[in-house]
Amino acid sequence: MAATTTGYSIPAFASTAPVASVRLDRRRHISPRAGHALEILAHAIEYLTDEYVHTALTFPAKNEQLEAVQLLMELNRQVYFECSEVPSFSERCRALLHLDAA
């Protein structure tokens, strides 16, 4: 594992499997620490893709630089989905009125 300046640890062999049981239509509360990690990852992804597009003459199926971009994108999703979901308006109203959906 490697540690970033944000305190998030990055596994040496992070899986590139999709995140299971994640609601994609929900907003998330992004902490300053997670936001900083997302910003660093986004800059790294942008840098590698720009460099690849400007220097690569061919696009082979197996390329270490593209694999690095995919790994960074997976880590970006992992950090984002670890952030807590923001309750919807109706969920906040139900909680305020103490209406429990049983």
PDB file of N, CA and C in Angstrom:
ATOM      1  N   MET A   1       0.827  -1.183   0.000  1.00  0.00           N
ATOM      2  CA  MET A   1       0.000   0.000   0.000  1.00  0.00           C
ATOM      3  C   MET A   1       0.871   1.246   0.000  1.00  0.00           C
ATOM      4  N   ALA A   2       0.344   2.252  -0.611  1.00  0.00           N
ATOM      5  CA  ALA A   2       1.006   3.545  -0.609  1.00  0.00           C
ATOM      6  C   ALA A   2       0.053   4.555  -0.003  1.00  0.00           C
ATOM      7  N   ALA A   3       0.577   5.534   0.678  1.00  0.00           N
ATOM      8  CA  ALA A   3      -0.260   6.570   1.279  1.00  0.00           C
ATOM      9  C   ALA A   3      -0.102   7.851   0.491  1.00  0.00           C
ATOM     10  N   THR A   4      -1.194   8.545   0.318  1.00  0.00           N
ATOM     11  CA  THR A   4      -1.154   9.824  -0.380  1.00  0.00           C
ATOM     12  C   THR A   4      -1.033  10.939   0.641  1.00  0.00           C
ATOM     13  N   THR A   5      -0.882  12.150   0.152  1.00  0.00           N
ATOM     14  CA  THR A   5      -0.776  13.287   1.066  1.00  0.00           C
ATOM     15  C   THR A   5      -2.105  13.585   1.742  1.00  0.00           C
ATOM     16  N   THR A   6      -3.191  12.982   1.261  1.00  0.00           N
ATOM     17  CA  THR A   6      -4.503  13.207   1.856  1.00  0.00           C
ATOM     18  C   THR A   6      -4.794  12.219   2.974  1.00  0.00           C
ATOM     19  N   GLY A   7      -3.962  11.207   3.118  1.00  0.00           N
ATOM     20  CA  GLY A   7      -4.189  10.220   4.155  1.00  0.00           C
ATOM     21  C   GLY A   7      -4.920   8.994   3.662  1.00  0.00           C
ATOM     22  N   TYR A   8      -5.391   9.001   2.419  1.00  0.00           N
ATOM     23  CA  TYR A   8      -6.026   7.817   1.860  1.00  0.00           C
ATOM     24  C   TYR A   8      -4.947   6.823   1.472  1.00  0.00           C
ATOM     25  N   SER A   9      -5.141   5.560   1.817  1.00  0.00           N
ATOM     26  CA  SER A   9      -4.185   4.546   1.406  1.00  0.00           C
ATOM     27  C   SER A   9      -4.629   3.967   0.074  1.00  0.00           C
ATOM     28  N   ILE A  10      -3.662   3.699  -0.768  1.00  0.00           N
ATOM     29  CA  ILE A  10      -3.937   3.168  -2.088  1.00  0.00           C
ATOM     30  C   ILE A  10      -3.370   1.757  -2.152  1.00  0.00           C
ATOM     31  N   PRO A  11      -4.232   0.742  -2.307  1.00  0.00           N
ATOM     32  CA  PRO A  11      -3.725  -0.608  -2.402  1.00  0.00           C
ATOM     33  C   PRO A  11      -2.859  -0.768  -3.647  1.00  0.00           C
ATOM     34  N   ALA A  12      -1.804  -1.552  -3.522  1.00  0.00           N
ATOM     35  CA  ALA A  12      -0.889  -1.745  -4.644  1.00  0.00           C
ATOM     36  C   ALA A  12      -1.590  -2.408  -5.816  1.00  0.00           C
ATOM     37  N   PHE A  13      -2.525  -3.280  -5.533  1.00  0.00           N
ATOM     38  CA  PHE A  13      -3.247  -3.974  -6.587  1.00  0.00           C
ATOM     39  C   PHE A  13      -4.744  -3.756  -6.389  1.00  0.00           C
ATOM     40  N   ALA A  14      -5.190  -2.545  -6.605  1.00  0.00           N
ATOM     41  CA  ALA A  14      -6.604  -2.221  -6.442  1.00  0.00           C
ATOM     42  C   ALA A  14      -7.406  -2.918  -7.526  1.00  0.00           C
ATOM     43  N   SER A  15      -8.559  -3.416  -7.142  1.00  0.00           N
ATOM     44  CA  SER A  15      -9.387  -4.118  -8.116  1.00  0.00           C
ATOM     45  C   SER A  15     -10.013  -3.110  -9.062  1.00  0.00           C
ATOM     46  N   THR A  16     -10.269  -3.552 -10.268  1.00  0.00           N
ATOM     47  CA  THR A  16     -10.942  -2.692 -11.226  1.00  0.00           C
ATOM     48  C   THR A  16     -12.363  -3.169 -11.437  1.00  0.00           C
ATOM     49  N   ALA A  17     -12.883  -3.958 -10.485  1.00  0.00           N
ATOM     50  CA  ALA A  17     -14.261  -4.431 -10.560  1.00  0.00           C
ATOM     51  C   ALA A  17     -15.199  -3.289 -10.214  1.00  0.00           C
ATOM     52  N   PRO A  18     -16.392  -3.284 -10.815  1.00  0.00           N
ATOM     53  CA  PRO A  18     -17.338  -2.221 -10.495  1.00  0.00           C
ATOM     54  C   PRO A  18     -17.777  -2.306  -9.034  1.00  0.00           C
ATOM     55  N   VAL A  19     -18.094  -1.158  -8.462  1.00  0.00           N
ATOM     56  CA  VAL A  19     -18.524  -1.099  -7.081  1.00  0.00           C
ATOM     57  C   VAL A  19     -19.938  -1.650  -6.994  1.00  0.00           C
ATOM     58  N   ALA A  20     -20.149  -2.633  -6.123  1.00  0.00           N
ATOM     59  CA  ALA A  20     -21.446  -3.291  -6.013  1.00  0.00           C
ATOM     60  C   ALA A  20     -22.386  -2.497  -5.113  1.00  0.00           C
ATOM     61  N   SER A  21     -23.648  -2.586  -5.403  1.00  0.00           N
ATOM     62  CA  SER A  21     -24.742  -2.006  -4.624  1.00  0.00           C
ATOM     63  C   SER A  21     -24.517  -0.538  -4.272  1.00  0.00           C
ATOM     64  N   VAL A  22     -24.209   0.252  -5.270  1.00  0.00           N
ATOM     65  CA  VAL A  22     -24.019   1.689  -5.067  1.00  0.00           C
ATOM     66  C   VAL A  22     -25.093   2.406  -5.858  1.00  0.00           C
ATOM     67  N   ARG A  23     -25.767   3.337  -5.200  1.00  0.00           N
ATOM     68  CA  ARG A  23     -26.787   4.123  -5.883  1.00  0.00           C
ATOM     69  C   ARG A  23     -26.104   5.278  -6.603  1.00  0.00           C
ATOM     70  N   LEU A  24     -26.195   5.257  -7.910  1.00  0.00           N
ATOM     71  CA  LEU A  24     -25.513   6.256  -8.721  1.00  0.00           C
ATOM     72  C   LEU A  24     -26.284   7.566  -8.809  1.00  0.00           C
ATOM     73  N   ASP A  25     -27.580   7.530  -8.474  1.00  0.00           N
ATOM     74  CA  ASP A  25     -28.402   8.724  -8.626  1.00  0.00           C
ATOM     75  C   ASP A  25     -28.448   9.581  -7.369  1.00  0.00           C
ATOM     76  N   ARG A  26     -27.600   9.310  -6.405  1.00  0.00           N
ATOM     77  CA  ARG A  26     -27.613  10.043  -5.143  1.00  0.00           C
ATOM     78  C   ARG A  26     -26.446  11.012  -5.058  1.00  0.00           C
ATOM     79  N   ARG A  27     -26.714  12.179  -4.497  1.00  0.00           N
ATOM     80  CA  ARG A  27     -25.641  13.129  -4.213  1.00  0.00           C
ATOM     81  C   ARG A  27     -24.870  12.627  -3.015  1.00  0.00           C
ATOM     82  N   ARG A  28     -23.644  13.067  -2.882  1.00  0.00           N
ATOM     83  CA  ARG A  28     -22.800  12.622  -1.782  1.00  0.00           C
ATOM     84  C   ARG A  28     -22.205  13.826  -1.065  1.00  0.00           C
ATOM     85  N   HIS A  29     -21.996  13.645   0.230  1.00  0.00           N
ATOM     86  CA  HIS A  29     -21.324  14.663   1.030  1.00  0.00           C
ATOM     87  C   HIS A  29     -19.830  14.374   0.954  1.00  0.00           C
ATOM     88  N   ILE A  30     -19.091  15.254   0.296  1.00  0.00           N
ATOM     89  CA  ILE A  30     -17.660  15.048   0.098  1.00  0.00           C
ATOM     90  C   ILE A  30     -16.906  15.875   1.125  1.00  0.00           C
ATOM     91  N   SER A  31     -16.185  15.190   1.989  1.00  0.00           N
ATOM     92  CA  SER A  31     -15.400  15.873   3.016  1.00  0.00           C
ATOM     93  C   SER A  31     -14.225  16.599   2.360  1.00  0.00           C
ATOM     94  N   PRO A  32     -13.637  17.565   3.041  1.00  0.00           N
ATOM     95  CA  PRO A  32     -12.466  18.243   2.468  1.00  0.00           C
ATOM     96  C   PRO A  32     -11.337  17.268   2.141  1.00  0.00           C
ATOM     97  N   ARG A  33     -11.147  16.277   2.989  1.00  0.00           N
ATOM     98  CA  ARG A  33     -10.089  15.280   2.754  1.00  0.00           C
ATOM     99  C   ARG A  33     -10.370  14.455   1.493  1.00  0.00           C
ATOM    100  N   ALA A  34     -11.625  14.005   1.341  1.00  0.00           N
ATOM    101  CA  ALA A  34     -12.001  13.251   0.149  1.00  0.00           C
ATOM    102  C   ALA A  34     -11.948  14.147  -1.087  1.00  0.00           C
ATOM    103  N   GLY A  35     -12.367  15.399  -0.948  1.00  0.00           N
ATOM    104  CA  GLY A  35     -12.305  16.332  -2.069  1.00  0.00           C
ATOM    105  C   GLY A  35     -10.890  16.565  -2.545  1.00  0.00           C
ATOM    106  N   HIS A  36      -9.965  16.652  -1.590  1.00  0.00           N
ATOM    107  CA  HIS A  36      -8.555  16.829  -1.948  1.00  0.00           C
ATOM    108  C   HIS A  36      -8.033  15.593  -2.678  1.00  0.00           C
ATOM    109  N   ALA A  37      -8.409  14.408  -2.195  1.00  0.00           N
ATOM    110  CA  ALA A  37      -7.988  13.163  -2.853  1.00  0.00           C
ATOM    111  C   ALA A  37      -8.564  13.084  -4.260  1.00  0.00           C
ATOM    112  N   LEU A  38      -9.843  13.443  -4.423  1.00  0.00           N
ATOM    113  CA  LEU A  38     -10.468  13.427  -5.750  1.00  0.00           C
ATOM    114  C   LEU A  38      -9.798  14.415  -6.695  1.00  0.00           C
ATOM    115  N   GLU A  39      -9.427  15.571  -6.161  1.00  0.00           N
ATOM    116  CA  GLU A  39      -8.750  16.577  -6.979  1.00  0.00           C
ATOM    117  C   GLU A  39      -7.391  16.071  -7.455  1.00  0.00           C
ATOM    118  N   ILE A  40      -6.627  15.458  -6.568  1.00  0.00           N
ATOM    119  CA  ILE A  40      -5.312  14.925  -6.926  1.00  0.00           C
ATOM    120  C   ILE A  40      -5.455  13.819  -7.962  1.00  0.00           C
ATOM    121  N   LEU A  41      -6.407  12.919  -7.742  1.00  0.00           N
ATOM    122  CA  LEU A  41      -6.620  11.828  -8.702  1.00  0.00           C
ATOM    123  C   LEU A  41      -7.055  12.371 -10.062  1.00  0.00           C
ATOM    124  N   ALA A  42      -7.931  13.364 -10.067  1.00  0.00           N
ATOM    125  CA  ALA A  42      -8.394  13.941 -11.336  1.00  0.00           C
ATOM    126  C   ALA A  42      -7.245  14.581 -12.106  1.00  0.00           C
ATOM    127  N   HIS A  43      -6.377  15.290 -11.395  1.00  0.00           N
ATOM    128  CA  HIS A  43      -5.217  15.895 -12.060  1.00  0.00           C
ATOM    129  C   HIS A  43      -4.287  14.825 -12.630  1.00  0.00           C
ATOM    130  N   ALA A  44      -4.079  13.749 -11.879  1.00  0.00           N
ATOM    131  CA  ALA A  44      -3.212  12.664 -12.358  1.00  0.00           C
ATOM    132  C   ALA A  44      -3.809  11.991 -13.587  1.00  0.00           C
ATOM    133  N   ILE A  45      -5.122  11.764 -13.570  1.00  0.00           N
ATOM    134  CA  ILE A  45      -5.798  11.153 -14.724  1.00  0.00           C
ATOM    135  C   ILE A  45      -5.687  12.060 -15.937  1.00  0.00           C
ATOM    136  N   GLU A  46      -5.948  13.334 -15.736  1.00  0.00           N
ATOM    137  CA  GLU A  46      -5.870  14.296 -16.840  1.00  0.00           C
ATOM    138  C   GLU A  46      -4.454  14.368 -17.416  1.00  0.00           C
ATOM    139  N   TYR A  47      -3.460  14.406 -16.538  1.00  0.00           N
ATOM    140  CA  TYR A  47      -2.069  14.486 -16.981  1.00  0.00           C
ATOM    141  C   TYR A  47      -1.693  13.258 -17.806  1.00  0.00           C
ATOM    142  N   LEU A  48      -2.011  12.063 -17.296  1.00  0.00           N
ATOM    143  CA  LEU A  48      -1.641  10.837 -18.013  1.00  0.00           C
ATOM    144  C   LEU A  48      -2.368  10.717 -19.348  1.00  0.00           C
ATOM    145  N   THR A  49      -3.659  11.072 -19.381  1.00  0.00           N
ATOM    146  CA  THR A  49      -4.381  10.959 -20.653  1.00  0.00           C
ATOM    147  C   THR A  49      -3.883  11.982 -21.669  1.00  0.00           C
ATOM    148  N   ASP A  50      -3.615  13.203 -21.222  1.00  0.00           N
ATOM    149  CA  ASP A  50      -3.062  14.207 -22.142  1.00  0.00           C
ATOM    150  C   ASP A  50      -1.711  13.764 -22.689  1.00  0.00           C
ATOM    151  N   GLU A  51      -0.859  13.271 -21.808  1.00  0.00           N
ATOM    152  CA  GLU A  51       0.462  12.806 -22.232  1.00  0.00           C
ATOM    153  C   GLU A  51       0.342  11.644 -23.215  1.00  0.00           C
ATOM    154  N   TYR A  52      -0.582  10.737 -22.938  1.00  0.00           N
ATOM    155  CA  TYR A  52      -0.760   9.573 -23.807  1.00  0.00           C
ATOM    156  C   TYR A  52      -1.256  10.001 -25.182  1.00  0.00           C
ATOM    157  N   VAL A  53      -2.228  10.884 -25.231  1.00  0.00           N
ATOM    158  CA  VAL A  53      -2.796  11.320 -26.507  1.00  0.00           C
ATOM    159  C   VAL A  53      -1.753  12.065 -27.342  1.00  0.00           C
ATOM    160  N   HIS A  54      -0.902  12.837 -26.694  1.00  0.00           N
ATOM    161  CA  HIS A  54       0.080  13.629 -27.425  1.00  0.00           C
ATOM    162  C   HIS A  54       1.318  12.836 -27.829  1.00  0.00           C
ATOM    163  N   THR A  55       1.604  11.720 -27.165  1.00  0.00           N
ATOM    164  CA  THR A  55       2.826  10.975 -27.472  1.00  0.00           C
ATOM    165  C   THR A  55       2.586   9.642 -28.152  1.00  0.00           C
ATOM    166  N   ALA A  56       1.415   9.060 -27.981  1.00  0.00           N
ATOM    167  CA  ALA A  56       1.171   7.726 -28.535  1.00  0.00           C
ATOM    168  C   ALA A  56       0.832   7.811 -30.020  1.00  0.00           C
ATOM    169  N   LEU A  57       1.548   7.001 -30.787  1.00  0.00           N
ATOM    170  CA  LEU A  57       1.267   6.937 -32.211  1.00  0.00           C
ATOM    171  C   LEU A  57       0.264   5.844 -32.522  1.00  0.00           C
ATOM    172  N   THR A  58       0.246   4.820 -31.681  1.00  0.00           N
ATOM    173  CA  THR A  58      -0.702   3.729 -31.842  1.00  0.00           C
ATOM    174  C   THR A  58      -1.429   3.524 -30.516  1.00  0.00           C
ATOM    175  N   PHE A  59      -2.530   2.816 -30.583  1.00  0.00           N
ATOM    176  CA  PHE A  59      -3.312   2.522 -29.393  1.00  0.00           C
ATOM    177  C   PHE A  59      -3.390   1.007 -29.207  1.00  0.00           C
ATOM    178  N   PRO A  60      -2.330   0.410 -28.660  1.00  0.00           N
ATOM    179  CA  PRO A  60      -2.354  -1.047 -28.478  1.00  0.00           C
ATOM    180  C   PRO A  60      -3.379  -1.446 -27.418  1.00  0.00           C
ATOM    181  N   ALA A  61      -3.831  -2.703 -27.517  1.00  0.00           N
ATOM    182  CA  ALA A  61      -4.834  -3.198 -26.580  1.00  0.00           C
ATOM    183  C   ALA A  61      -4.285  -3.231 -25.156  1.00  0.00           C
ATOM    184  N   LYS A  62      -3.000  -3.559 -24.991  1.00  0.00           N
ATOM    185  CA  LYS A  62      -2.409  -3.633 -23.653  1.00  0.00           C
ATOM    186  C   LYS A  62      -1.330  -2.564 -23.558  1.00  0.00           C
ATOM    187  N   ASN A  63      -1.587  -1.570 -22.728  1.00  0.00           N
ATOM    188  CA  ASN A  63      -0.653  -0.470 -22.565  1.00  0.00           C
ATOM    189  C   ASN A  63      -0.604  -0.106 -21.094  1.00  0.00           C
ATOM    190  N   GLU A  64       0.609  -0.015 -20.552  1.00  0.00           N
ATOM    191  CA  GLU A  64       0.774   0.263 -19.122  1.00  0.00           C
ATOM    192  C   GLU A  64       0.225   1.628 -18.737  1.00  0.00           C
ATOM    193  N   GLN A  65       0.368   2.594 -19.619  1.00  0.00           N
ATOM    194  CA  GLN A  65      -0.121   3.937 -19.322  1.00  0.00           C
ATOM    195  C   GLN A  65      -1.646   3.959 -19.245  1.00  0.00           C
ATOM    196  N   LEU A  66      -2.306   3.238 -20.153  1.00  0.00           N
ATOM    197  CA  LEU A  66      -3.767   3.160 -20.102  1.00  0.00           C
ATOM    198  C   LEU A  66      -4.226   2.390 -18.869  1.00  0.00           C
ATOM    199  N   GLU A  67      -3.487   1.360 -18.494  1.00  0.00           N
ATOM    200  CA  GLU A  67      -3.817   0.610 -17.282  1.00  0.00           C
ATOM    201  C   GLU A  67      -3.677   1.497 -16.049  1.00  0.00           C
ATOM    202  N   ALA A  68      -2.688   2.374 -16.046  1.00  0.00           N
ATOM    203  CA  ALA A  68      -2.510   3.303 -14.933  1.00  0.00           C
ATOM    204  C   ALA A  68      -3.689   4.268 -14.852  1.00  0.00           C
ATOM    205  N   VAL A  69      -4.159   4.749 -15.999  1.00  0.00           N
ATOM    206  CA  VAL A  69      -5.318   5.644 -16.023  1.00  0.00           C
ATOM    207  C   VAL A  69      -6.549   4.915 -15.492  1.00  0.00           C
ATOM    208  N   GLN A  70      -6.743   3.663 -15.914  1.00  0.00           N
ATOM    209  CA  GLN A  70      -7.883   2.885 -15.434  1.00  0.00           C
ATOM    210  C   GLN A  70      -7.804   2.660 -13.931  1.00  0.00           C
ATOM    211  N   LEU A  71      -6.617   2.408 -13.411  1.00  0.00           N
ATOM    212  CA  LEU A  71      -6.429   2.218 -11.976  1.00  0.00           C
ATOM    213  C   LEU A  71      -6.764   3.505 -11.216  1.00  0.00           C
ATOM    214  N   LEU A  72      -6.284   4.639 -11.725  1.00  0.00           N
ATOM    215  CA  LEU A  72      -6.583   5.924 -11.085  1.00  0.00           C
ATOM    216  C   LEU A  72      -8.079   6.235 -11.132  1.00  0.00           C
ATOM    217  N   MET A  73      -8.736   5.876 -12.224  1.00  0.00           N
ATOM    218  CA  MET A  73     -10.172   6.099 -12.326  1.00  0.00           C
ATOM    219  C   MET A  73     -10.927   5.226 -11.324  1.00  0.00           C
ATOM    220  N   GLU A  74     -10.501   3.995 -11.145  1.00  0.00           N
ATOM    221  CA  GLU A  74     -11.117   3.107 -10.155  1.00  0.00           C
ATOM    222  C   GLU A  74     -10.927   3.663  -8.749  1.00  0.00           C
ATOM    223  N   LEU A  75      -9.736   4.149  -8.447  1.00  0.00           N
ATOM    224  CA  LEU A  75      -9.487   4.740  -7.134  1.00  0.00           C
ATOM    225  C   LEU A  75     -10.331   5.993  -6.931  1.00  0.00           C
ATOM    226  N   ASN A  76     -10.528   6.770  -7.990  1.00  0.00           N
ATOM    227  CA  ASN A  76     -11.372   7.955  -7.937  1.00  0.00           C
ATOM    228  C   ASN A  76     -12.801   7.559  -7.563  1.00  0.00           C
ATOM    229  N   ARG A  77     -13.340   6.531  -8.223  1.00  0.00           N
ATOM    230  CA  ARG A  77     -14.689   6.050  -7.908  1.00  0.00           C
ATOM    231  C   ARG A  77     -14.761   5.524  -6.480  1.00  0.00           C
ATOM    232  N   GLN A  78     -13.716   4.819  -6.063  1.00  0.00           N
ATOM    233  CA  GLN A  78     -13.684   4.245  -4.717  1.00  0.00           C
ATOM    234  C   GLN A  78     -13.750   5.352  -3.657  1.00  0.00           C
ATOM    235  N   VAL A  79     -12.972   6.397  -3.822  1.00  0.00           N
ATOM    236  CA  VAL A  79     -12.988   7.514  -2.871  1.00  0.00           C
ATOM    237  C   VAL A  79     -14.362   8.181  -2.882  1.00  0.00           C
ATOM    238  N   TYR A  80     -14.925   8.398  -4.069  1.00  0.00           N
ATOM    239  CA  TYR A  80     -16.219   9.071  -4.181  1.00  0.00           C
ATOM    240  C   TYR A  80     -17.327   8.258  -3.516  1.00  0.00           C
ATOM    241  N   PHE A  81     -17.372   6.953  -3.784  1.00  0.00           N
ATOM    242  CA  PHE A  81     -18.445   6.124  -3.244  1.00  0.00           C
ATOM    243  C   PHE A  81     -18.275   5.837  -1.757  1.00  0.00           C
ATOM    244  N   GLU A  82     -17.109   6.110  -1.195  1.00  0.00           N
ATOM    245  CA  GLU A  82     -16.929   5.994   0.253  1.00  0.00           C
ATOM    246  C   GLU A  82     -17.538   7.185   0.988  1.00  0.00           C
ATOM    247  N   CYS A  83     -17.824   8.251   0.268  1.00  0.00           N
ATOM    248  CA  CYS A  83     -18.460   9.422   0.878  1.00  0.00           C
ATOM    249  C   CYS A  83     -19.928   9.098   1.167  1.00  0.00           C
ATOM    250  N   SER A  84     -20.431   9.673   2.240  1.00  0.00           N
ATOM    251  CA  SER A  84     -21.809   9.378   2.646  1.00  0.00           C
ATOM    252  C   SER A  84     -22.804  10.020   1.677  1.00  0.00           C
ATOM    253  N   GLU A  85     -23.932   9.334   1.511  1.00  0.00           N
ATOM    254  CA  GLU A  85     -24.983   9.840   0.643  1.00  0.00           C
ATOM    255  C   GLU A  85     -25.739  10.962   1.340  1.00  0.00           C
ATOM    256  N   VAL A  86     -26.156  11.935   0.568  1.00  0.00           N
ATOM    257  CA  VAL A  86     -26.979  13.028   1.090  1.00  0.00           C
ATOM    258  C   VAL A  86     -28.428  12.559   1.005  1.00  0.00           C
ATOM    259  N   PRO A  87     -29.170  12.634   2.098  1.00  0.00           N
ATOM    260  CA  PRO A  87     -30.576  12.208   2.053  1.00  0.00           C
ATOM    261  C   PRO A  87     -31.368  13.062   1.078  1.00  0.00           C
ATOM    262  N   SER A  88     -32.330  12.433   0.427  1.00  0.00           N
ATOM    263  CA  SER A  88     -33.179  13.174  -0.506  1.00  0.00           C
ATOM    264  C   SER A  88     -34.104  14.108   0.274  1.00  0.00           C
ATOM    265  N   PHE A  89     -34.750  15.001  -0.432  1.00  0.00           N
ATOM    266  CA  PHE A  89     -35.662  15.949   0.207  1.00  0.00           C
ATOM    267  C   PHE A  89     -36.780  15.205   0.933  1.00  0.00           C
ATOM    268  N   SER A  90     -37.349  14.203   0.271  1.00  0.00           N
ATOM    269  CA  SER A  90     -38.445  13.458   0.906  1.00  0.00           C
ATOM    270  C   SER A  90     -37.953  12.687   2.138  1.00  0.00           C
ATOM    271  N   GLU A  91     -36.760  12.161   2.096  1.00  0.00           N
ATOM    272  CA  GLU A  91     -36.204  11.468   3.270  1.00  0.00           C
ATOM    273  C   GLU A  91     -35.988  12.439   4.425  1.00  0.00           C
ATOM    274  N   ARG A  92     -35.532  13.646   4.118  1.00  0.00           N
ATOM    275  CA  ARG A  92     -35.351  14.643   5.171  1.00  0.00           C
ATOM    276  C   ARG A  92     -36.685  15.073   5.760  1.00  0.00           C
ATOM    277  N   CYS A  93     -37.714  15.225   4.914  1.00  0.00           N
ATOM    278  CA  CYS A  93     -39.050  15.586   5.412  1.00  0.00           C
ATOM    279  C   CYS A  93     -39.609  14.487   6.304  1.00  0.00           C
ATOM    280  N   ARG A  94     -39.478  13.234   5.877  1.00  0.00           N
ATOM    281  CA  ARG A  94     -39.955  12.112   6.692  1.00  0.00           C
ATOM    282  C   ARG A  94     -39.247  12.074   8.034  1.00  0.00           C
ATOM    283  N   ALA A  95     -37.945  12.309   8.027  1.00  0.00           N
ATOM    284  CA  ALA A  95     -37.192  12.302   9.281  1.00  0.00           C
ATOM    285  C   ALA A  95     -37.615  13.448  10.177  1.00  0.00           C
ATOM    286  N   LEU A  96     -37.860  14.607   9.574  1.00  0.00           N
ATOM    287  CA  LEU A  96     -38.288  15.770  10.344  1.00  0.00           C
ATOM    288  C   LEU A  96     -39.653  15.536  10.984  1.00  0.00           C
ATOM    289  N   LEU A  97     -40.536  14.887  10.237  1.00  0.00           N
ATOM    290  CA  LEU A  97     -41.881  14.619  10.744  1.00  0.00           C
ATOM    291  C   LEU A  97     -41.995  13.292  11.479  1.00  0.00           C
ATOM    292  N   HIS A  98     -40.864  12.611  11.605  1.00  0.00           N
ATOM    293  CA  HIS A  98     -40.796  11.313  12.291  1.00  0.00           C
ATOM    294  C   HIS A  98     -41.727  10.288  11.660  1.00  0.00           C
ATOM    295  N   LEU A  99     -41.786  10.295  10.345  1.00  0.00           N
ATOM    296  CA  LEU A  99     -42.575   9.311   9.616  1.00  0.00           C
ATOM    297  C   LEU A  99     -41.634   8.199   9.163  1.00  0.00           C
ATOM    298  N   ASP A 100     -41.711   7.088   9.823  1.00  0.00           N
ATOM    299  CA  ASP A 100     -40.846   5.963   9.469  1.00  0.00           C
ATOM    300  C   ASP A 100     -41.573   5.090   8.461  1.00  0.00           C
ATOM    301  N   ALA A 101     -40.917   4.859   7.349  1.00  0.00           N
ATOM    302  CA  ALA A 101     -41.480   3.942   6.351  1.00  0.00           C
ATOM    303  C   ALA A 101     -41.157   2.535   6.796  1.00  0.00           C
ATOM    304  N   ALA A 102     -42.158   1.803   7.239  1.00  0.00           N
ATOM    305  CA  ALA A 102     -41.941   0.453   7.765  1.00  0.00           C
ATOM    306  C   ALA A 102     -42.018  -0.587   6.711  1.00  0.00           C
TER     307      ALA A 102
END
